[in-house]
C-alpha atoms as a PDB file:
ATOM      1  CA  MET A   1      28.514  29.971  16.343  1.00  0.00           C
ATOM      2  CA  HIS A   2      28.497  29.354  13.231  1.00  0.00           C
ATOM      3  CA  GLU A   3      26.273  25.937  13.843  1.00  0.00           C
ATOM      4  CA  GLU A   4      23.610  28.119  15.989  1.00  0.00           C
ATOM      5  CA  SER A   5      22.955  30.171  12.949  1.00  0.00           C
ATOM      6  CA  ASN A   6      22.174  27.140  10.396  1.00  0.00           C
ATOM      7  CA  LEU A   7      20.415  25.683  12.938  1.00  0.00           C
ATOM      8  CA  SER A   8      18.243  28.840  13.023  1.00  0.00           C
ATOM      9  CA  LYS A   9      18.199  29.241   9.763  1.00  0.00           C
ATOM     10  CA  ILE A  10      16.876  25.629   9.030  1.00  0.00           C
ATOM     11  CA  GLU A  11      14.195  26.304  12.156  1.00  0.00           C
ATOM     12  CA  ALA A  12      12.962  29.245   9.922  1.00  0.00           C
ATOM     13  CA  LEU A  13      12.904  27.227   7.225  1.00  0.00           C
ATOM     14  CA  CYS A  14      10.865  24.489   8.772  1.00  0.00           C
ATOM     15  CA  ASN A  15       8.536  26.931  10.367  1.00  0.00           C
ATOM     16  CA  GLN A  16       7.703  28.504   7.023  1.00  0.00           C
ATOM     17  CA  ILE A  17       6.881  25.160   5.759  1.00  0.00           C
ATOM     18  CA  MET A  18       4.631  24.505   8.718  1.00  0.00           C
ATOM     19  CA  ASN A  19       3.129  27.695   8.365  1.00  0.00           C
ATOM     20  CA  SER A  20       2.645  27.631   4.267  1.00  0.00           C
ATOM     21  CA  PRO A  21      -1.069  27.876   3.526  1.00  0.00           C
ATOM     22  CA  TYR A  22      -0.663  24.450   1.484  1.00  0.00           C
ATOM     23  CA  MET A  23       0.833  22.153   4.775  1.00  0.00           C
ATOM     24  CA  GLN A  24      -2.864  23.610   6.057  1.00  0.00           C
ATOM     25  CA  LYS A  25      -4.973  21.907   2.775  1.00  0.00           C
ATOM     26  CA  GLU A  26      -6.264  18.896   2.687  1.00  0.00           C
ATOM     27  CA  ALA A  27      -5.161  16.455  -0.514  1.00  0.00           C
ATOM     28  CA  PRO A  28      -7.170  15.865  -3.551  1.00  0.00           C
ATOM     29  CA  ILE A  29      -9.126  12.201  -3.255  1.00  0.00           C
ATOM     30  CA  GLU A  30      -6.870  11.318  -6.058  1.00  0.00           C
ATOM     31  CA  LEU A  31      -3.727  11.720  -4.182  1.00  0.00           C
ATOM     32  CA  LYS A  32      -5.223  10.239  -1.280  1.00  0.00           C
ATOM     33  CA  ASN A  33      -5.524   7.359  -3.752  1.00  0.00           C
ATOM     34  CA  LEU A  34      -2.407   7.336  -5.333  1.00  0.00           C
ATOM     35  CA  ARG A  35      -0.614   6.769  -1.719  1.00  0.00           C
ATOM     36  CA  SER A  36      -3.209   3.771  -0.505  1.00  0.00           C
ATOM     37  CA  VAL A  37      -2.160   2.445  -3.909  1.00  0.00           C
ATOM     38  CA  ILE A  38       1.958   2.755  -3.383  1.00  0.00           C
ATOM     39  CA  GLU A  39       1.491   2.035   0.343  1.00  0.00           C
ATOM     40  CA  LYS A  40      -0.131  -1.790  -1.201  1.00  0.00           C
ATOM     41  CA  VAL A  41       2.718  -1.663  -3.708  1.00  0.00           C
ATOM     42  CA  ASN A  42       5.815  -1.316  -0.907  1.00  0.00           C
ATOM     43  CA  LEU A  43       3.614  -3.521   1.492  1.00  0.00           C
ATOM     44  CA  LEU A  44       3.900  -6.024  -1.223  1.00  0.00           C
ATOM     45  CA  ILE A  45       7.267  -5.663  -2.765  1.00  0.00           C
ATOM     46  CA  LYS A  46       9.149  -5.736   1.083  1.00  0.00           C
ATOM     47  CA  GLU A  47       6.866  -7.878   2.248  1.00  0.00           C
ATOM     48  CA  ASP A  48       5.028 -10.720   0.095  1.00  0.00           C
ATOM     49  CA  VAL A  49       7.652 -11.201  -2.839  1.00  0.00           C
ATOM     50  CA  PRO A  50      10.463 -12.325  -0.806  1.00  0.00           C
ATOM     51  CA  ALA A  51       8.192 -15.045   0.952  1.00  0.00           C
ATOM     52  CA  LEU A  52       6.941 -15.707  -2.661  1.00  0.00           C
ATOM     53  CA  VAL A  53      10.544 -16.155  -3.720  1.00  0.00           C
ATOM     54  CA  SER A  54      11.630 -18.310  -1.079  1.00  0.00           C
ATOM     55  CA  GLU A  55       9.041 -20.641  -1.238  1.00  0.00           C
ATOM     56  CA  VAL A  56       9.487 -21.457  -4.865  1.00  0.00           C
ATOM     57  CA  ARG A  57      12.758 -21.775  -4.321  1.00  0.00           C
ATOM     58  CA  LYS A  58      12.075 -24.235  -1.456  1.00  0.00           C
ATOM     59  CA  LEU A  59       9.904 -25.843  -3.705  1.00  0.00           C
ATOM     60  CA  ARG A  60      12.250 -25.960  -6.790  1.00  0.00           C
ATOM     61  CA  SER A  61      14.608 -27.421  -4.214  1.00  0.00           C
ATOM     62  CA  GLN A  62      12.363 -30.211  -3.271  1.00  0.00           C
ATOM     63  CA  ASN A  63      11.575 -30.833  -6.689  1.00  0.00           C
ATOM     64  CA  LYS A  64      15.147 -31.770  -7.539  1.00  0.00           C
ATOM     65  CA  ARG A  65      15.073 -33.924  -4.827  1.00  0.00           C
ATOM     66  CA  LEU A  66      11.942 -35.456  -5.372  1.00  0.00           C
ATOM     67  CA  GLU A  67      12.675 -36.246  -8.567  1.00  0.00           C
ATOM     68  CA  ALA A  68      16.497 -37.614  -7.831  1.00  0.00           C
ATOM     69  CA  GLU A  69      14.737 -39.984  -5.500  1.00  0.00           C
ATOM     70  CA  ILE A  70      13.035 -41.174  -8.355  1.00  0.00           C
ATOM     71  CA  GLU A  71      15.751 -41.775 -10.729  1.00  0.00           C
ATOM     72  CA  ALA A  72      17.359 -43.638  -7.739  1.00  0.00           C
ATOM     73  CA  MET A  73      13.908 -45.703  -7.477  1.00  0.00           C
ATOM     74  CA  HIS A  74      13.935 -46.131 -11.178  1.00  0.00           C
ATOM     75  CA  PRO A  75      15.908 -45.582 -13.598  1.00  0.00           C
ATOM     76  CA  SER A  76      14.486 -46.227 -16.644  1.00  0.00           C
ATOM     77  CA  MET A  77      11.341 -43.788 -15.531  1.00  0.00           C
ATOM     78  CA  VAL A  78      13.507 -40.273 -16.267  1.00  0.00           C
ATOM     79  CA  ILE A  79      11.675 -37.167 -16.054  1.00  0.00           C
ATOM     80  CA  THR A  80      12.207 -34.962 -19.171  1.00  0.00           C
ATOM     81  CA  GLU A  81      10.767 -31.588 -19.469  1.00  0.00           C
END
């Protein structure tokens, strides 16, 4: 019964929130623009950045391997930075 009363309270609060006049108003254009930017940043962080990091790691590894091959072929041609 205690759980039932908690659920009733939660349901009542949810109904109050959903019936609030603030839920009926349309968001200002600035807020819509901000949401759009946040979605793009989120996409960039979750999908693009990890792919770029992976690509950089792969290229660094490939670069080290190629430098080692060059060194093995021509020991006098040491690459210095």
